[in-house]
Amino acid sequence: MAAVAAPKKIEMINIFKTTYHRYRHWIRFILTEGKVNKFRFVKDAIGYTGKLSVDKPEVDKAKKVLADYKTKNTGSVDMWW
């Protein structure tokens, strides 16, 4: 019987704070369009705010995608901080 390797644990890094509403309606779409594969919203204990968490190897890519969006859409509201 062959030994089964344990699945690789994904290390998620919190990069920005945001609200769930903005994550659900805009940020998720922006990251998907930018080809960032592994990300999620981590909710705070109280309220609808939280952190945008990205897989460690994709942190720089995610930050670049979000920075490019801010550069191209200077008139929009800050969706992450």
C-alpha atoms as a PDB file:
ATOM      1  CA  MET A   1       0.000   0.000   0.000  1.00  0.00           C
ATOM      2  CA  ALA A   2       1.459   3.376  -1.024  1.00  0.00           C
ATOM      3  CA  ALA A   3       1.686   6.234   1.432  1.00  0.00           C
ATOM      4  CA  VAL A   4      -0.537   9.158   0.564  1.00  0.00           C
ATOM      5  CA  ALA A   5       1.141  12.562   0.756  1.00  0.00           C
ATOM      6  CA  ALA A   6      -0.616  15.145   2.877  1.00  0.00           C
ATOM      7  CA  PRO A   7      -2.063  18.020   0.861  1.00  0.00           C
ATOM      8  CA  LYS A   8       0.101  21.129   0.780  1.00  0.00           C
ATOM      9  CA  LYS A   9      -1.105  23.720   3.277  1.00  0.00           C
ATOM     10  CA  ILE A  10      -1.873  27.082   1.707  1.00  0.00           C
ATOM     11  CA  GLU A  11      -0.377  30.024   3.591  1.00  0.00           C
ATOM     12  CA  MET A  12      -2.688  33.035   3.305  1.00  0.00           C
ATOM     13  CA  ILE A  13      -1.383  36.570   3.920  1.00  0.00           C
ATOM     14  CA  ASN A  14      -3.682  39.481   4.888  1.00  0.00           C
ATOM     15  CA  ILE A  15      -2.865  42.390   2.570  1.00  0.00           C
ATOM     16  CA  PHE A  16      -5.650  44.985   2.986  1.00  0.00           C
ATOM     17  CA  LYS A  17      -8.731  45.754   5.071  1.00  0.00           C
ATOM     18  CA  THR A  18     -12.077  46.129   3.311  1.00  0.00           C
ATOM     19  CA  THR A  19     -15.787  45.540   3.761  1.00  0.00           C
ATOM     20  CA  TYR A  20     -17.603  42.378   2.733  1.00  0.00           C
ATOM     21  CA  HIS A  21     -19.905  44.381   0.450  1.00  0.00           C
ATOM     22  CA  ARG A  22     -16.971  45.808  -1.538  1.00  0.00           C
ATOM     23  CA  TYR A  23     -15.227  42.422  -1.627  1.00  0.00           C
ATOM     24  CA  ARG A  24     -18.333  40.644  -2.877  1.00  0.00           C
ATOM     25  CA  HIS A  25     -19.289  43.162  -5.561  1.00  0.00           C
ATOM     26  CA  TRP A  26     -15.994  44.577  -6.848  1.00  0.00           C
ATOM     27  CA  ILE A  27     -12.716  43.320  -5.372  1.00  0.00           C
ATOM     28  CA  ARG A  28     -13.400  39.667  -6.125  1.00  0.00           C
ATOM     29  CA  PHE A  29     -14.063  40.563  -9.767  1.00  0.00           C
ATOM     30  CA  ILE A  30     -10.930  42.767 -10.001  1.00  0.00           C
ATOM     31  CA  LEU A  31      -8.689  39.989  -8.655  1.00  0.00           C
ATOM     32  CA  THR A  32     -10.269  37.347 -10.897  1.00  0.00           C
ATOM     33  CA  GLU A  33      -9.772  39.545 -13.974  1.00  0.00           C
ATOM     34  CA  GLY A  34      -6.133  40.033 -12.906  1.00  0.00           C
ATOM     35  CA  LYS A  35      -5.629  36.236 -12.836  1.00  0.00           C
ATOM     36  CA  VAL A  36      -5.091  36.029  -9.059  1.00  0.00           C
ATOM     37  CA  ASN A  37      -6.199  32.491  -8.218  1.00  0.00           C
ATOM     38  CA  LYS A  38      -6.285  32.070  -4.444  1.00  0.00           C
ATOM     39  CA  PHE A  39      -7.828  34.784  -2.308  1.00  0.00           C
ATOM     40  CA  ARG A  40     -10.603  35.135   0.251  1.00  0.00           C
ATOM     41  CA  PHE A  41     -12.310  37.503   2.656  1.00  0.00           C
ATOM     42  CA  VAL A  42     -11.605  37.006   6.370  1.00  0.00           C
ATOM     43  CA  LYS A  43     -14.397  38.609   8.410  1.00  0.00           C
ATOM     44  CA  ASP A  44     -13.663  40.533  11.602  1.00  0.00           C
ATOM     45  CA  ALA A  45     -15.374  39.359  14.787  1.00  0.00           C
ATOM     46  CA  ILE A  46     -17.810  42.305  14.791  1.00  0.00           C
ATOM     47  CA  GLY A  47     -19.470  43.995  11.826  1.00  0.00           C
ATOM     48  CA  TYR A  48     -19.040  43.497   8.104  1.00  0.00           C
ATOM     49  CA  THR A  49     -15.419  44.586   7.823  1.00  0.00           C
ATOM     50  CA  GLY A  50     -12.507  42.229   7.403  1.00  0.00           C
ATOM     51  CA  LYS A  51      -9.263  41.506   5.632  1.00  0.00           C
ATOM     52  CA  LEU A  52      -8.439  40.555   2.070  1.00  0.00           C
ATOM     53  CA  SER A  53      -6.291  37.437   2.323  1.00  0.00           C
ATOM     54  CA  VAL A  54      -4.178  36.119  -0.582  1.00  0.00           C
ATOM     55  CA  ASP A  55      -2.040  33.004  -1.090  1.00  0.00           C
ATOM     56  CA  LYS A  56       1.577  33.861  -0.192  1.00  0.00           C
ATOM     57  CA  PRO A  57       3.063  33.321  -3.707  1.00  0.00           C
ATOM     58  CA  GLU A  58       0.413  35.629  -5.213  1.00  0.00           C
ATOM     59  CA  VAL A  59       0.700  38.576  -2.792  1.00  0.00           C
ATOM     60  CA  ASP A  60       2.825  40.745  -5.110  1.00  0.00           C
ATOM     61  CA  LYS A  61       0.588  39.941  -8.092  1.00  0.00           C
ATOM     62  CA  ALA A  62      -2.556  40.860  -6.123  1.00  0.00           C
ATOM     63  CA  LYS A  63      -1.055  44.134  -4.889  1.00  0.00           C
ATOM     64  CA  LYS A  64      -0.037  45.019  -8.464  1.00  0.00           C
ATOM     65  CA  VAL A  65      -3.523  44.246  -9.836  1.00  0.00           C
ATOM     66  CA  LEU A  66      -5.176  46.388  -7.150  1.00  0.00           C
ATOM     67  CA  ALA A  67      -2.662  49.236  -7.607  1.00  0.00           C
ATOM     68  CA  ASP A  68      -3.286  49.187 -11.385  1.00  0.00           C
ATOM     69  CA  TYR A  69      -7.036  49.393 -10.752  1.00  0.00           C
ATOM     70  CA  LYS A  70      -6.591  52.418  -8.458  1.00  0.00           C
ATOM     71  CA  THR A  71      -4.368  54.115 -11.053  1.00  0.00           C
ATOM     72  CA  LYS A  72      -6.895  53.601 -13.862  1.00  0.00           C
ATOM     73  CA  ASN A  73      -9.926  54.552 -11.709  1.00  0.00           C
ATOM     74  CA  THR A  74      -8.802  57.600  -9.766  1.00  0.00           C
ATOM     75  CA  GLY A  75     -12.357  58.902  -9.325  1.00  0.00           C
ATOM     76  CA  SER A  76     -13.639  55.799  -7.522  1.00  0.00           C
ATOM     77  CA  VAL A  77     -14.062  55.378  -3.774  1.00  0.00           C
ATOM     78  CA  ASP A  78     -11.248  53.644  -1.876  1.00  0.00           C
ATOM     79  CA  MET A  79     -12.421  50.043  -1.579  1.00  0.00           C
ATOM     80  CA  TRP A  80      -9.456  48.788   0.449  1.00  0.00           C
ATOM     81  CA  TRP A  81      -7.037  50.358   2.890  1.00  0.00           C
END
